[in-house]
Amino acid sequence: MRIPCPASRWWDDVVSTCANIRLFCDGSHVETWKQQETARHPSRPDGRIISAVTMWRLAQPWYGNRLDPDWSPRTAAAAQRLLTQAGLTGGFWQFP
């Protein structure tokens, strides 16, 4: 899966962020897509590629309680912990 922009920018335009997450069959599919994207949009950042398993590890706690009647938005610190627990660390994954 390709995550289009750093976590610090996800909420700048959350619809665009989510709409531009891409799922790929394998590494060669990613490379083909990147070559085509670079040709069409040379200045577009690469984003990050993560496995579907990693995305699933993140999605379960991120969205798991979203429909609960007592749900409330999590803090940035709590969201950061979920990224870290899913193995997503480093500058790209840091919230402001």
Protein backbone atom coordinates (compact mmCIF):
# COMPACT_ATOMS: atom_id res chain seq x y z
CA MET A 1 0.00 0.00 0.00
CA ARG A 2 1.19 3.49 -0.78
CA ILE A 3 0.56 6.23 1.76
CA PRO A 4 0.71 9.49 -0.22
CA CYS A 5 1.92 12.02 2.33
CA PRO A 6 3.50 12.27 5.78
CA ALA A 7 1.29 11.84 8.85
CA SER A 8 1.88 15.50 9.71
CA ARG A 9 -0.12 16.45 6.58
CA TRP A 10 -2.94 13.87 6.72
CA TRP A 11 -5.48 16.33 8.08
CA ASP A 12 -4.55 19.14 5.66
CA ASP A 13 -6.92 17.37 3.25
CA VAL A 14 -8.03 14.07 4.76
CA VAL A 15 -10.28 13.24 1.79
CA SER A 16 -7.37 13.56 -0.63
CA THR A 17 -5.07 11.63 1.70
CA CYS A 18 -7.48 8.71 1.94
CA ALA A 19 -8.48 8.84 -1.73
CA ASN A 20 -4.84 8.56 -2.77
CA ILE A 21 -3.89 5.51 -0.71
CA ARG A 22 -3.11 2.81 -3.26
CA LEU A 23 -3.07 -0.99 -2.94
CA PHE A 24 -0.62 -2.97 -5.07
CA CYS A 25 -0.30 -6.64 -5.93
CA ASP A 26 3.46 -6.82 -5.40
CA GLY A 27 6.73 -4.91 -5.56
CA SER A 28 6.93 -4.95 -9.37
CA HIS A 29 3.44 -3.42 -9.55
CA VAL A 30 4.64 -0.64 -7.23
CA GLU A 31 7.68 0.05 -9.39
CA THR A 32 5.64 0.18 -12.60
CA TRP A 33 3.16 2.56 -11.00
CA LYS A 34 5.97 4.78 -9.64
CA GLN A 35 7.58 5.05 -13.08
CA GLN A 36 4.26 6.03 -14.66
CA GLU A 37 3.47 8.52 -11.88
CA THR A 38 6.91 10.10 -12.09
CA ALA A 39 6.47 10.56 -15.84
CA ARG A 40 3.06 12.20 -15.34
CA HIS A 41 3.80 14.14 -12.14
CA PRO A 42 7.58 14.58 -11.75
CA SER A 43 7.32 16.73 -8.62
CA ARG A 44 4.88 14.49 -6.71
CA PRO A 45 6.51 12.95 -3.63
CA ASP A 46 6.82 9.16 -3.45
CA GLY A 47 5.00 8.77 -0.15
CA ARG A 48 5.69 5.46 1.62
CA ILE A 49 4.97 1.87 0.71
CA ILE A 50 3.79 -0.44 3.51
CA SER A 51 2.50 -3.97 3.45
CA ALA A 52 -1.21 -4.75 3.59
CA VAL A 53 -0.48 -6.61 6.82
CA THR A 54 0.95 -3.44 8.37
CA MET A 55 -2.05 -1.44 7.21
CA TRP A 56 -4.36 -4.06 8.72
CA ARG A 57 -2.46 -3.89 12.04
CA LEU A 58 -3.02 -0.14 12.03
CA ALA A 59 -6.63 -0.16 10.79
CA GLN A 60 -7.93 -2.51 13.49
CA PRO A 61 -7.26 -0.24 16.47
CA TRP A 62 -7.61 2.97 14.41
CA TYR A 63 -11.17 2.22 13.25
CA GLY A 64 -12.21 -0.66 15.50
CA ASN A 65 -14.32 1.39 17.91
CA ARG A 66 -15.45 4.10 15.49
CA LEU A 67 -19.13 3.06 15.62
CA ASP A 68 -19.29 2.77 19.41
CA PRO A 69 -21.86 5.15 20.91
CA ASP A 70 -19.27 6.60 23.29
CA TRP A 71 -16.58 7.06 20.62
CA SER A 72 -14.60 10.28 20.70
CA PRO A 73 -11.63 11.44 18.62
CA ARG A 74 -8.26 10.31 19.95
CA THR A 75 -5.49 12.67 20.86
CA ALA A 76 -2.47 13.12 18.61
CA ALA A 77 -0.40 11.25 21.22
CA ALA A 78 -2.81 8.29 21.14
CA ALA A 79 -2.75 8.27 17.34
CA GLN A 80 1.05 8.35 17.41
CA ARG A 81 1.08 5.32 19.72
CA LEU A 82 -1.09 3.40 17.23
CA LEU A 83 1.33 4.17 14.41
CA THR A 84 4.27 3.08 16.54
CA GLN A 85 2.50 -0.13 17.61
CA ALA A 86 1.92 -0.93 13.92
CA GLY A 87 5.67 -0.52 13.32
CA LEU A 88 5.37 2.84 11.56
CA THR A 89 8.17 4.93 13.00
CA GLY A 90 10.45 7.70 11.77
CA GLY A 91 9.88 11.21 10.52
CA PHE A 92 7.30 10.33 7.85
CA TRP A 93 5.02 8.87 10.52
CA GLN A 94 5.29 11.71 13.05
CA PHE A 95 2.27 13.85 13.83
CA PRO A 96 2.87 17.56 14.46
